[in-house]
Amino acid sequence: MSKSNKDIYREFYDTVNMAPSELEDWLATEKSKNVGQDSGDGEAIGHKSGKRIVSIKKKKKDGLTEDDYGHMNKVIGYINRHKAQKPDGKIEDSNWRYSLKNWGYDPCK
């Protein structure tokens, strides 16, 4: 059973814990740019996703498209799967954390 846009919206805003300005600042760092799987054009998939998340979070709810909701659902899934793979030890300066931050979630918050 697929989720409704209402459920996706709520879960997205419950899951993504970085504000647009905070995420934009993070995406400008070298640490952000140097983590994750390349999308084929030299930019990591998560880094591209982070830019899209900023765009989505800056929109009014009634301005969101079905494509936006699809991406929001993808973000929810990625964050939930990646959180389950938490490594042992300190995570503050880990690629695991940096990858999650690219997707709008900071596990140290």
PDB file of N, CA and C in Angstrom:
ATOM      1  N   MET A   1       0.843  -1.171   0.000  1.00  0.00           N
ATOM      2  CA  MET A   1       0.000   0.000   0.000  1.00  0.00           C
ATOM      3  C   MET A   1       0.895   1.244   0.000  1.00  0.00           C
ATOM      4  N   SER A   2       0.652   2.134  -0.917  1.00  0.00           N
ATOM      5  CA  SER A   2       1.489   3.326  -0.997  1.00  0.00           C
ATOM      6  C   SER A   2       0.980   4.396  -0.025  1.00  0.00           C
ATOM      7  N   LYS A   3       1.912   5.249   0.363  1.00  0.00           N
ATOM      8  CA  LYS A   3       1.586   6.311   1.310  1.00  0.00           C
ATOM      9  C   LYS A   3       0.898   7.470   0.586  1.00  0.00           C
ATOM     10  N   SER A   4       0.055   8.152   1.308  1.00  0.00           N
ATOM     11  CA  SER A   4      -0.585   9.346   0.769  1.00  0.00           C
ATOM     12  C   SER A   4       0.416  10.505   0.817  1.00  0.00           C
ATOM     13  N   ASN A   5       0.174  11.527   0.000  1.00  0.00           N
ATOM     14  CA  ASN A   5       1.032  12.712   0.036  1.00  0.00           C
ATOM     15  C   ASN A   5       1.017  13.353   1.419  1.00  0.00           C
ATOM     16  N   LYS A   6      -0.122  13.298   2.082  1.00  0.00           N
ATOM     17  CA  LYS A   6      -0.225  13.846   3.437  1.00  0.00           C
ATOM     18  C   LYS A   6       0.730  13.119   4.379  1.00  0.00           C
ATOM     19  N   ASP A   7       0.772  11.777   4.281  1.00  0.00           N
ATOM     20  CA  ASP A   7       1.666  10.986   5.128  1.00  0.00           C
ATOM     21  C   ASP A   7       3.135  11.238   4.770  1.00  0.00           C
ATOM     22  N   ILE A   8       3.421  11.338   3.470  1.00  0.00           N
ATOM     23  CA  ILE A   8       4.789  11.600   3.025  1.00  0.00           C
ATOM     24  C   ILE A   8       5.248  12.956   3.555  1.00  0.00           C
ATOM     25  N   TYR A   9       4.417  13.960   3.437  1.00  0.00           N
ATOM     26  CA  TYR A   9       4.744  15.304   3.894  1.00  0.00           C
ATOM     27  C   TYR A   9       5.085  15.293   5.387  1.00  0.00           C
ATOM     28  N   ARG A  10       4.221  14.691   6.179  1.00  0.00           N
ATOM     29  CA  ARG A  10       4.433  14.630   7.625  1.00  0.00           C
ATOM     30  C   ARG A  10       5.724  13.888   7.958  1.00  0.00           C
ATOM     31  N   GLU A  11       5.912  12.723   7.330  1.00  0.00           N
ATOM     32  CA  GLU A  11       7.097  11.915   7.634  1.00  0.00           C
ATOM     33  C   GLU A  11       8.378  12.617   7.176  1.00  0.00           C
ATOM     34  N   PHE A  12       8.332  13.278   6.028  1.00  0.00           N
ATOM     35  CA  PHE A  12       9.493  14.013   5.519  1.00  0.00           C
ATOM     36  C   PHE A  12       9.909  15.089   6.529  1.00  0.00           C
ATOM     37  N   TYR A  13       8.940  15.866   6.993  1.00  0.00           N
ATOM     38  CA  TYR A  13       9.271  16.943   7.925  1.00  0.00           C
ATOM     39  C   TYR A  13       9.614  16.416   9.321  1.00  0.00           C
ATOM     40  N   ASP A  14       9.190  15.215   9.657  1.00  0.00           N
ATOM     41  CA  ASP A  14       9.600  14.585  10.914  1.00  0.00           C
ATOM     42  C   ASP A  14      11.007  14.005  10.800  1.00  0.00           C
ATOM     43  N   THR A  15      11.410  13.608   9.597  1.00  0.00           N
ATOM     44  CA  THR A  15      12.675  12.911   9.379  1.00  0.00           C
ATOM     45  C   THR A  15      13.821  13.858   9.041  1.00  0.00           C
ATOM     46  N   VAL A  16      13.605  14.772   8.138  1.00  0.00           N
ATOM     47  CA  VAL A  16      14.648  15.718   7.725  1.00  0.00           C
ATOM     48  C   VAL A  16      14.770  16.773   8.822  1.00  0.00           C
ATOM     49  N   ASN A  17      15.894  16.749   9.533  1.00  0.00           N
ATOM     50  CA  ASN A  17      16.026  17.625  10.700  1.00  0.00           C
ATOM     51  C   ASN A  17      16.963  18.815  10.483  1.00  0.00           C
ATOM     52  N   MET A  18      17.319  19.074   9.241  1.00  0.00           N
ATOM     53  CA  MET A  18      18.172  20.223   8.941  1.00  0.00           C
ATOM     54  C   MET A  18      17.344  21.296   8.221  1.00  0.00           C
ATOM     55  N   ALA A  19      17.507  22.539   8.654  1.00  0.00           N
ATOM     56  CA  ALA A  19      16.830  23.660   8.011  1.00  0.00           C
ATOM     57  C   ALA A  19      17.478  23.914   6.648  1.00  0.00           C
ATOM     58  N   PRO A  20      16.752  24.523   5.719  1.00  0.00           N
ATOM     59  CA  PRO A  20      17.326  24.795   4.396  1.00  0.00           C
ATOM     60  C   PRO A  20      18.666  25.537   4.456  1.00  0.00           C
ATOM     61  N   SER A  21      18.764  26.569   5.274  1.00  0.00           N
ATOM     62  CA  SER A  21      20.021  27.329   5.348  1.00  0.00           C
ATOM     63  C   SER A  21      21.151  26.472   5.916  1.00  0.00           C
ATOM     64  N   GLU A  22      20.838  25.650   6.881  1.00  0.00           N
ATOM     65  CA  GLU A  22      21.828  24.748   7.486  1.00  0.00           C
ATOM     66  C   GLU A  22      22.311  23.726   6.449  1.00  0.00           C
ATOM     67  N   LEU A  23      21.388  23.190   5.674  1.00  0.00           N
ATOM     68  CA  LEU A  23      21.737  22.213   4.652  1.00  0.00           C
ATOM     69  C   LEU A  23      22.536  22.876   3.528  1.00  0.00           C
ATOM     70  N   GLU A  24      22.156  24.077   3.128  1.00  0.00           N
ATOM     71  CA  GLU A  24      22.919  24.802   2.105  1.00  0.00           C
ATOM     72  C   GLU A  24      24.356  25.037   2.559  1.00  0.00           C
ATOM     73  N   ASP A  25      24.533  25.446   3.811  1.00  0.00           N
ATOM     74  CA  ASP A  25      25.879  25.661   4.350  1.00  0.00           C
ATOM     75  C   ASP A  25      26.679  24.364   4.323  1.00  0.00           C
ATOM     76  N   TRP A  26      26.053  23.261   4.717  1.00  0.00           N
ATOM     77  CA  TRP A  26      26.720  21.959   4.723  1.00  0.00           C
ATOM     78  C   TRP A  26      27.111  21.546   3.302  1.00  0.00           C
ATOM     79  N   LEU A  27      26.196  21.713   2.349  1.00  0.00           N
ATOM     80  CA  LEU A  27      26.454  21.280   0.970  1.00  0.00           C
ATOM     81  C   LEU A  27      27.599  22.064   0.324  1.00  0.00           C
ATOM     82  N   ALA A  28      27.941  23.211   0.862  1.00  0.00           N
ATOM     83  CA  ALA A  28      29.038  24.021   0.332  1.00  0.00           C
ATOM     84  C   ALA A  28      30.402  23.547   0.830  1.00  0.00           C
ATOM     85  N   THR A  29      30.443  22.615   1.780  1.00  0.00           N
ATOM     86  CA  THR A  29      31.707  22.154   2.353  1.00  0.00           C
ATOM     87  C   THR A  29      32.340  21.053   1.502  1.00  0.00           C
ATOM     88  N   GLU A  30      33.648  20.931   1.629  1.00  0.00           N
ATOM     89  CA  GLU A  30      34.361  19.853   0.919  1.00  0.00           C
ATOM     90  C   GLU A  30      33.961  18.485   1.463  1.00  0.00           C
ATOM     91  N   LYS A  31      33.713  18.407   2.771  1.00  0.00           N
ATOM     92  CA  LYS A  31      33.308  17.126   3.359  1.00  0.00           C
ATOM     93  C   LYS A  31      32.025  16.633   2.707  1.00  0.00           C
ATOM     94  N   SER A  32      31.098  17.529   2.455  1.00  0.00           N
ATOM     95  CA  SER A  32      29.840  17.169   1.818  1.00  0.00           C
ATOM     96  C   SER A  32      30.068  16.685   0.395  1.00  0.00           C
ATOM     97  N   LYS A  33      30.954  17.358  -0.313  1.00  0.00           N
ATOM     98  CA  LYS A  33      31.194  17.044  -1.723  1.00  0.00           C
ATOM     99  C   LYS A  33      32.006  15.778  -1.918  1.00  0.00           C
ATOM    100  N   ASN A  34      32.714  15.339  -0.876  1.00  0.00           N
ATOM    101  CA  ASN A  34      33.633  14.203  -1.007  1.00  0.00           C
ATOM    102  C   ASN A  34      33.091  12.894  -0.446  1.00  0.00           C
ATOM    103  N   VAL A  35      31.792  12.812  -0.225  1.00  0.00           N
ATOM    104  CA  VAL A  35      31.219  11.588   0.322  1.00  0.00           C
ATOM    105  C   VAL A  35      30.055  11.142  -0.561  1.00  0.00           C
ATOM    106  N   GLY A  36      29.898   9.840  -0.675  1.00  0.00           N
ATOM    107  CA  GLY A  36      28.757   9.303  -1.398  1.00  0.00           C
ATOM    108  C   GLY A  36      29.111   8.770  -2.770  1.00  0.00           C
ATOM    109  N   GLN A  37      28.136   8.131  -3.368  1.00  0.00           N
ATOM    110  CA  GLN A  37      28.288   7.494  -4.674  1.00  0.00           C
ATOM    111  C   GLN A  37      28.094   8.520  -5.789  1.00  0.00           C
ATOM    112  N   ASP A  38      29.020   8.542  -6.730  1.00  0.00           N
ATOM    113  CA  ASP A  38      28.962   9.468  -7.863  1.00  0.00           C
ATOM    114  C   ASP A  38      27.749   9.147  -8.735  1.00  0.00           C
ATOM    115  N   SER A  39      27.055  10.187  -9.147  1.00  0.00           N
ATOM    116  CA  SER A  39      25.857  10.000  -9.977  1.00  0.00           C
ATOM    117  C   SER A  39      26.213   9.857 -11.458  1.00  0.00           C
ATOM    118  N   GLY A  40      27.507   9.923 -11.773  1.00  0.00           N
ATOM    119  CA  GLY A  40      27.939   9.771 -13.155  1.00  0.00           C
ATOM    120  C   GLY A  40      28.401  11.077 -13.772  1.00  0.00           C
ATOM    121  N   ASP A  41      28.167  12.178 -13.081  1.00  0.00           N
ATOM    122  CA  ASP A  41      28.578  13.474 -13.611  1.00  0.00           C
ATOM    123  C   ASP A  41      29.550  14.190 -12.671  1.00  0.00           C
ATOM    124  N   GLY A  42      30.132  13.439 -11.732  1.00  0.00           N
ATOM    125  CA  GLY A  42      31.096  14.019 -10.812  1.00  0.00           C
ATOM    126  C   GLY A  42      30.501  14.511  -9.508  1.00  0.00           C
ATOM    127  N   GLU A  43      29.174  14.498  -9.405  1.00  0.00           N
ATOM    128  CA  GLU A  43      28.508  14.921  -8.172  1.00  0.00           C
ATOM    129  C   GLU A  43      27.829  13.715  -7.541  1.00  0.00           C
ATOM    130  N   ALA A  44      27.969  13.581  -6.228  1.00  0.00           N
ATOM    131  CA  ALA A  44      27.372  12.447  -5.515  1.00  0.00           C
ATOM    132  C   ALA A  44      25.847  12.532  -5.537  1.00  0.00           C
ATOM    133  N   ILE A  45      25.228  11.377  -5.545  1.00  0.00           N
ATOM    134  CA  ILE A  45      23.765  11.275  -5.546  1.00  0.00           C
ATOM    135  C   ILE A  45      23.179  12.017  -4.344  1.00  0.00           C
ATOM    136  N   GLY A  46      23.756  11.807  -3.167  1.00  0.00           N
ATOM    137  CA  GLY A  46      23.257  12.452  -1.956  1.00  0.00           C
ATOM    138  C   GLY A  46      23.421  13.960  -1.995  1.00  0.00           C
ATOM    139  N   HIS A  47      24.504  14.433  -2.607  1.00  0.00           N
ATOM    140  CA  HIS A  47      24.734  15.869  -2.710  1.00  0.00           C
ATOM    141  C   HIS A  47      23.648  16.502  -3.584  1.00  0.00           C
ATOM    142  N   LYS A  48      23.326  15.844  -4.691  1.00  0.00           N
ATOM    143  CA  LYS A  48      22.238  16.322  -5.561  1.00  0.00           C
ATOM    144  C   LYS A  48      20.912  16.300  -4.802  1.00  0.00           C
ATOM    145  N   SER A  49      20.706  15.237  -4.044  1.00  0.00           N
ATOM    146  CA  SER A  49      19.480  15.107  -3.270  1.00  0.00           C
ATOM    147  C   SER A  49      19.367  16.250  -2.265  1.00  0.00           C
ATOM    148  N   GLY A  50      20.474  16.596  -1.630  1.00  0.00           N
ATOM    149  CA  GLY A  50      20.464  17.691  -0.668  1.00  0.00           C
ATOM    150  C   GLY A  50      20.001  19.000  -1.292  1.00  0.00           C
ATOM    151  N   LYS A  51      20.464  19.267  -2.499  1.00  0.00           N
ATOM    152  CA  LYS A  51      20.032  20.485  -3.204  1.00  0.00           C
ATOM    153  C   LYS A  51      18.524  20.447  -3.462  1.00  0.00           C
ATOM    154  N   ARG A  52      18.052  19.269  -3.825  1.00  0.00           N
ATOM    155  CA  ARG A  52      16.614  19.114  -4.093  1.00  0.00           C
ATOM    156  C   ARG A  52      15.814  19.280  -2.798  1.00  0.00           C
ATOM    157  N   ILE A  53      16.328  18.778  -1.698  1.00  0.00           N
ATOM    158  CA  ILE A  53      15.662  18.910  -0.401  1.00  0.00           C
ATOM    159  C   ILE A  53      15.533  20.393  -0.030  1.00  0.00           C
ATOM    160  N   VAL A  54      16.596  21.161  -0.249  1.00  0.00           N
ATOM    161  CA  VAL A  54      16.549  22.601   0.029  1.00  0.00           C
ATOM    162  C   VAL A  54      15.422  23.231  -0.778  1.00  0.00           C
ATOM    163  N   SER A  55      15.358  22.891  -2.047  1.00  0.00           N
ATOM    164  CA  SER A  55      14.316  23.440  -2.926  1.00  0.00           C
ATOM    165  C   SER A  55      12.920  23.070  -2.426  1.00  0.00           C
ATOM    166  N   ILE A  56      12.743  21.825  -2.052  1.00  0.00           N
ATOM    167  CA  ILE A  56      11.445  21.351  -1.556  1.00  0.00           C
ATOM    168  C   ILE A  56      11.061  22.076  -0.271  1.00  0.00           C
ATOM    169  N   LYS A  57      12.014  22.196   0.651  1.00  0.00           N
ATOM    170  CA  LYS A  57      11.704  22.826   1.938  1.00  0.00           C
ATOM    171  C   LYS A  57      11.418  24.316   1.810  1.00  0.00           C
ATOM    172  N   LYS A  58      11.846  24.924   0.731  1.00  0.00           N
ATOM    173  CA  LYS A  58      11.577  26.347   0.510  1.00  0.00           C
ATOM    174  C   LYS A  58      10.214  26.578  -0.157  1.00  0.00           C
ATOM    175  N   LYS A  59       9.584  25.513  -0.641  1.00  0.00           N
ATOM    176  CA  LYS A  59       8.282  25.645  -1.293  1.00  0.00           C
ATOM    177  C   LYS A  59       7.156  25.639  -0.265  1.00  0.00           C
ATOM    178  N   LYS A  60       6.059  26.261  -0.640  1.00  0.00           N
ATOM    179  CA  LYS A  60       4.837  26.147   0.152  1.00  0.00           C
ATOM    180  C   LYS A  60       4.230  24.777  -0.139  1.00  0.00           C
ATOM    181  N   LYS A  61       3.523  24.229   0.824  1.00  0.00           N
ATOM    182  CA  LYS A  61       2.958  22.892   0.687  1.00  0.00           C
ATOM    183  C   LYS A  61       2.121  22.756  -0.579  1.00  0.00           C
ATOM    184  N   ASP A  62       1.304  23.758  -0.900  1.00  0.00           N
ATOM    185  CA  ASP A  62       0.442  23.650  -2.075  1.00  0.00           C
ATOM    186  C   ASP A  62       1.213  23.807  -3.389  1.00  0.00           C
ATOM    187  N   GLY A  63       2.501  24.137  -3.314  1.00  0.00           N
ATOM    188  CA  GLY A  63       3.338  24.244  -4.506  1.00  0.00           C
ATOM    189  C   GLY A  63       4.130  22.989  -4.813  1.00  0.00           C
ATOM    190  N   LEU A  64       3.999  21.976  -3.955  1.00  0.00           N
ATOM    191  CA  LEU A  64       4.734  20.721  -4.165  1.00  0.00           C
ATOM    192  C   LEU A  64       4.099  19.915  -5.290  1.00  0.00           C
ATOM    193  N   THR A  65       4.956  19.315  -6.118  1.00  0.00           N
ATOM    194  CA  THR A  65       4.501  18.493  -7.241  1.00  0.00           C
ATOM    195  C   THR A  65       4.540  17.012  -6.857  1.00  0.00           C
ATOM    196  N   GLU A  66       3.955  16.190  -7.701  1.00  0.00           N
ATOM    197  CA  GLU A  66       4.028  14.739  -7.475  1.00  0.00           C
ATOM    198  C   GLU A  66       5.485  14.279  -7.498  1.00  0.00           C
ATOM    199  N   ASP A  67       6.294  14.894  -8.354  1.00  0.00           N
ATOM    200  CA  ASP A  67       7.719  14.565  -8.413  1.00  0.00           C
ATOM    201  C   ASP A  67       8.409  14.925  -7.094  1.00  0.00           C
ATOM    202  N   ASP A  68       8.022  16.058  -6.511  1.00  0.00           N
ATOM    203  CA  ASP A  68       8.557  16.438  -5.201  1.00  0.00           C
ATOM    204  C   ASP A  68       8.196  15.394  -4.149  1.00  0.00           C
ATOM    205  N   TYR A  69       6.935  14.981  -4.149  1.00  0.00           N
ATOM    206  CA  TYR A  69       6.512  13.963  -3.177  1.00  0.00           C
ATOM    207  C   TYR A  69       7.268  12.651  -3.387  1.00  0.00           C
ATOM    208  N   GLY A  70       7.532  12.312  -4.633  1.00  0.00           N
ATOM    209  CA  GLY A  70       8.320  11.108  -4.917  1.00  0.00           C
ATOM    210  C   GLY A  70       9.715  11.219  -4.340  1.00  0.00           C
ATOM    211  N   HIS A  71      10.331  12.393  -4.498  1.00  0.00           N
ATOM    212  CA  HIS A  71      11.673  12.576  -3.949  1.00  0.00           C
ATOM    213  C   HIS A  71      11.633  12.584  -2.426  1.00  0.00           C
ATOM    214  N   MET A  72      10.630  13.215  -1.856  1.00  0.00           N
ATOM    215  CA  MET A  72      10.493  13.236  -0.401  1.00  0.00           C
ATOM    216  C   MET A  72      10.408  11.815   0.139  1.00  0.00           C
ATOM    217  N   ASN A  73       9.660  10.958  -0.537  1.00  0.00           N
ATOM    218  CA  ASN A  73       9.523   9.564  -0.106  1.00  0.00           C
ATOM    219  C   ASN A  73      10.858   8.826  -0.240  1.00  0.00           C
ATOM    220  N   LYS A  74      11.600   9.122  -1.304  1.00  0.00           N
ATOM    221  CA  LYS A  74      12.924   8.526  -1.496  1.00  0.00           C
ATOM    222  C   LYS A  74      13.859   8.938  -0.359  1.00  0.00           C
ATOM    223  N   VAL A  75      13.808  10.200   0.039  1.00  0.00           N
ATOM    224  CA  VAL A  75      14.640  10.720   1.132  1.00  0.00           C
ATOM    225  C   VAL A  75      14.305   9.995   2.439  1.00  0.00           C
ATOM    226  N   ILE A  76      13.033   9.846   2.716  1.00  0.00           N
ATOM    227  CA  ILE A  76      12.595   9.135   3.929  1.00  0.00           C
ATOM    228  C   ILE A  76      13.178   7.726   3.954  1.00  0.00           C
ATOM    229  N   GLY A  77      13.044   7.023   2.846  1.00  0.00           N
ATOM    230  CA  GLY A  77      13.561   5.653   2.759  1.00  0.00           C
ATOM    231  C   GLY A  77      15.062   5.583   2.944  1.00  0.00           C
ATOM    232  N   TYR A  78      15.790   6.482   2.274  1.00  0.00           N
ATOM    233  CA  TYR A  78      17.243   6.487   2.385  1.00  0.00           C
ATOM    234  C   TYR A  78      17.675   6.730   3.823  1.00  0.00           C
ATOM    235  N   ILE A  79      17.121   7.764   4.437  1.00  0.00           N
ATOM    236  CA  ILE A  79      17.509   8.094   5.809  1.00  0.00           C
ATOM    237  C   ILE A  79      17.213   6.926   6.749  1.00  0.00           C
ATOM    238  N   ASN A  80      16.055   6.338   6.638  1.00  0.00           N
ATOM    239  CA  ASN A  80      15.702   5.221   7.531  1.00  0.00           C
ATOM    240  C   ASN A  80      16.631   4.023   7.321  1.00  0.00           C
ATOM    241  N   ARG A  81      16.946   3.698   6.071  1.00  0.00           N
ATOM    242  CA  ARG A  81      17.863   2.573   5.810  1.00  0.00           C
ATOM    243  C   ARG A  81      19.265   2.883   6.323  1.00  0.00           C
ATOM    244  N   HIS A  82      19.733   4.084   6.055  1.00  0.00           N
ATOM    245  CA  HIS A  82      21.107   4.456   6.426  1.00  0.00           C
ATOM    246  C   HIS A  82      21.267   4.566   7.941  1.00  0.00           C
ATOM    247  N   LYS A  83      20.257   5.072   8.629  1.00  0.00           N
ATOM    248  CA  LYS A  83      20.315   5.149  10.094  1.00  0.00           C
ATOM    249  C   LYS A  83      20.487   3.765  10.702  1.00  0.00           C
ATOM    250  N   ALA A  84      19.887   2.765  10.081  1.00  0.00           N
ATOM    251  CA  ALA A  84      19.969   1.392  10.591  1.00  0.00           C
ATOM    252  C   ALA A  84      21.373   0.810  10.442  1.00  0.00           C
ATOM    253  N   GLN A  85      22.231   1.456   9.668  1.00  0.00           N
ATOM    254  CA  GLN A  85      23.597   0.964   9.431  1.00  0.00           C
ATOM    255  C   GLN A  85      24.630   1.735  10.254  1.00  0.00           C
ATOM    256  N   LYS A  86      24.191   2.299  11.369  1.00  0.00           N
ATOM    257  CA  LYS A  86      25.089   3.115  12.205  1.00  0.00           C
ATOM    258  C   LYS A  86      26.334   2.322  12.585  1.00  0.00           C
ATOM    259  N   PRO A  87      27.508   2.902  12.334  1.00  0.00           N
ATOM    260  CA  PRO A  87      28.748   2.203  12.687  1.00  0.00           C
ATOM    261  C   PRO A  87      29.030   2.288  14.187  1.00  0.00           C
ATOM    262  N   ASP A  88      29.889   1.416  14.644  1.00  0.00           N
ATOM    263  CA  ASP A  88      30.340   1.470  16.035  1.00  0.00           C
ATOM    264  C   ASP A  88      31.318   2.633  16.188  1.00  0.00           C
ATOM    265  N   GLY A  89      31.402   3.152  17.376  1.00  0.00           N
ATOM    266  CA  GLY A  89      32.370   4.204  17.651  1.00  0.00           C
ATOM    267  C   GLY A  89      31.817   5.591  17.424  1.00  0.00           C
ATOM    268  N   LYS A  90      32.739   6.523  17.377  1.00  0.00           N
ATOM    269  CA  LYS A  90      32.364   7.931  17.232  1.00  0.00           C
ATOM    270  C   LYS A  90      31.880   8.198  15.809  1.00  0.00           C
ATOM    271  N   ILE A  91      30.790   8.946  15.711  1.00  0.00           N
ATOM    272  CA  ILE A  91      30.209   9.211  14.390  1.00  0.00           C
ATOM    273  C   ILE A  91      30.376  10.666  13.950  1.00  0.00           C
ATOM    274  N   GLU A  92      30.837  11.541  14.831  1.00  0.00           N
ATOM    275  CA  GLU A  92      30.886  12.972  14.531  1.00  0.00           C
ATOM    276  C   GLU A  92      31.598  13.279  13.217  1.00  0.00           C
ATOM    277  N   ASP A  93      32.722  12.646  12.967  1.00  0.00           N
ATOM    278  CA  ASP A  93      33.510  12.902  11.759  1.00  0.00           C
ATOM    279  C   ASP A  93      33.537  11.680  10.843  1.00  0.00           C
ATOM    280  N   SER A  94      32.402  11.002  10.739  1.00  0.00           N
ATOM    281  CA  SER A  94      32.346   9.786   9.922  1.00  0.00           C
ATOM    282  C   SER A  94      31.665  10.045   8.575  1.00  0.00           C
ATOM    283  N   ASN A  95      32.055   9.276   7.586  1.00  0.00           N
ATOM    284  CA  ASN A  95      31.388   9.360   6.284  1.00  0.00           C
ATOM    285  C   ASN A  95      29.915   8.994   6.408  1.00  0.00           C
ATOM    286  N   TRP A  96      29.591   8.124   7.355  1.00  0.00           N
ATOM    287  CA  TRP A  96      28.195   7.739   7.587  1.00  0.00           C
ATOM    288  C   TRP A  96      27.374   8.978   7.937  1.00  0.00           C
ATOM    289  N   ARG A  97      27.872   9.779   8.865  1.00  0.00           N
ATOM    290  CA  ARG A  97      27.165  11.010   9.243  1.00  0.00           C
ATOM    291  C   ARG A  97      27.125  11.995   8.082  1.00  0.00           C
ATOM    292  N   TYR A  98      28.247  12.154   7.397  1.00  0.00           N
ATOM    293  CA  TYR A  98      28.298  13.112   6.296  1.00  0.00           C
ATOM    294  C   TYR A  98      27.303  12.751   5.199  1.00  0.00           C
ATOM    295  N   SER A  99      27.189  11.468   4.922  1.00  0.00           N
ATOM    296  CA  SER A  99      26.231  11.015   3.913  1.00  0.00           C
ATOM    297  C   SER A  99      24.801  11.346   4.334  1.00  0.00           C
ATOM    298  N   LEU A 100      24.482  11.068   5.582  1.00  0.00           N
ATOM    299  CA  LEU A 100      23.143  11.392   6.086  1.00  0.00           C
ATOM    300  C   LEU A 100      22.873  12.894   6.034  1.00  0.00           C
ATOM    301  N   LYS A 101      23.879  13.691   6.347  1.00  0.00           N
ATOM    302  CA  LYS A 101      23.695  15.142   6.301  1.00  0.00           C
ATOM    303  C   LYS A 101      23.395  15.609   4.876  1.00  0.00           C
ATOM    304  N   ASN A 102      24.016  14.969   3.877  1.00  0.00           N
ATOM    305  CA  ASN A 102      23.713  15.314   2.490  1.00  0.00           C
ATOM    306  C   ASN A 102      22.228  15.099   2.176  1.00  0.00           C
ATOM    307  N   TRP A 103      21.620  14.162   2.879  1.00  0.00           N
ATOM    308  CA  TRP A 103      20.201  13.847   2.677  1.00  0.00           C
ATOM    309  C   TRP A 103      19.297  14.591   3.675  1.00  0.00           C
ATOM    310  N   GLY A 104      19.884  15.566   4.403  1.00  0.00           N
ATOM    311  CA  GLY A 104      19.079  16.442   5.255  1.00  0.00           C
ATOM    312  C   GLY A 104      18.877  15.967   6.682  1.00  0.00           C
ATOM    313  N   TYR A 105      19.631  14.944   7.104  1.00  0.00           N
ATOM    314  CA  TYR A 105      19.475  14.428   8.461  1.00  0.00           C
ATOM    315  C   TYR A 105      20.839  14.431   9.160  1.00  0.00           C
ATOM    316  N   ASP A 106      20.916  15.121  10.284  1.00  0.00           N
ATOM    317  CA  ASP A 106      22.132  15.116  11.094  1.00  0.00           C
ATOM    318  C   ASP A 106      21.904  14.265  12.329  1.00  0.00           C
ATOM    319  N   PRO A 107      22.533  13.082  12.393  1.00  0.00           N
ATOM    320  CA  PRO A 107      22.315  12.185  13.534  1.00  0.00           C
ATOM    321  C   PRO A 107      22.883  12.713  14.843  1.00  0.00           C
ATOM    322  N   CYS A 108      23.662  13.790  14.795  1.00  0.00           N
ATOM    323  CA  CYS A 108      24.220  14.348  16.020  1.00  0.00           C
ATOM    324  C   CYS A 108      23.358  15.464  16.609  1.00  0.00           C
ATOM    325  N   LYS A 109      22.209  15.708  16.018  1.00  0.00           N
ATOM    326  CA  LYS A 109      21.302  16.743  16.532  1.00  0.00           C
ATOM    327  C   LYS A 109      20.428  16.145  17.619  1.00  0.00           C
TER     328      LYS A 109
END
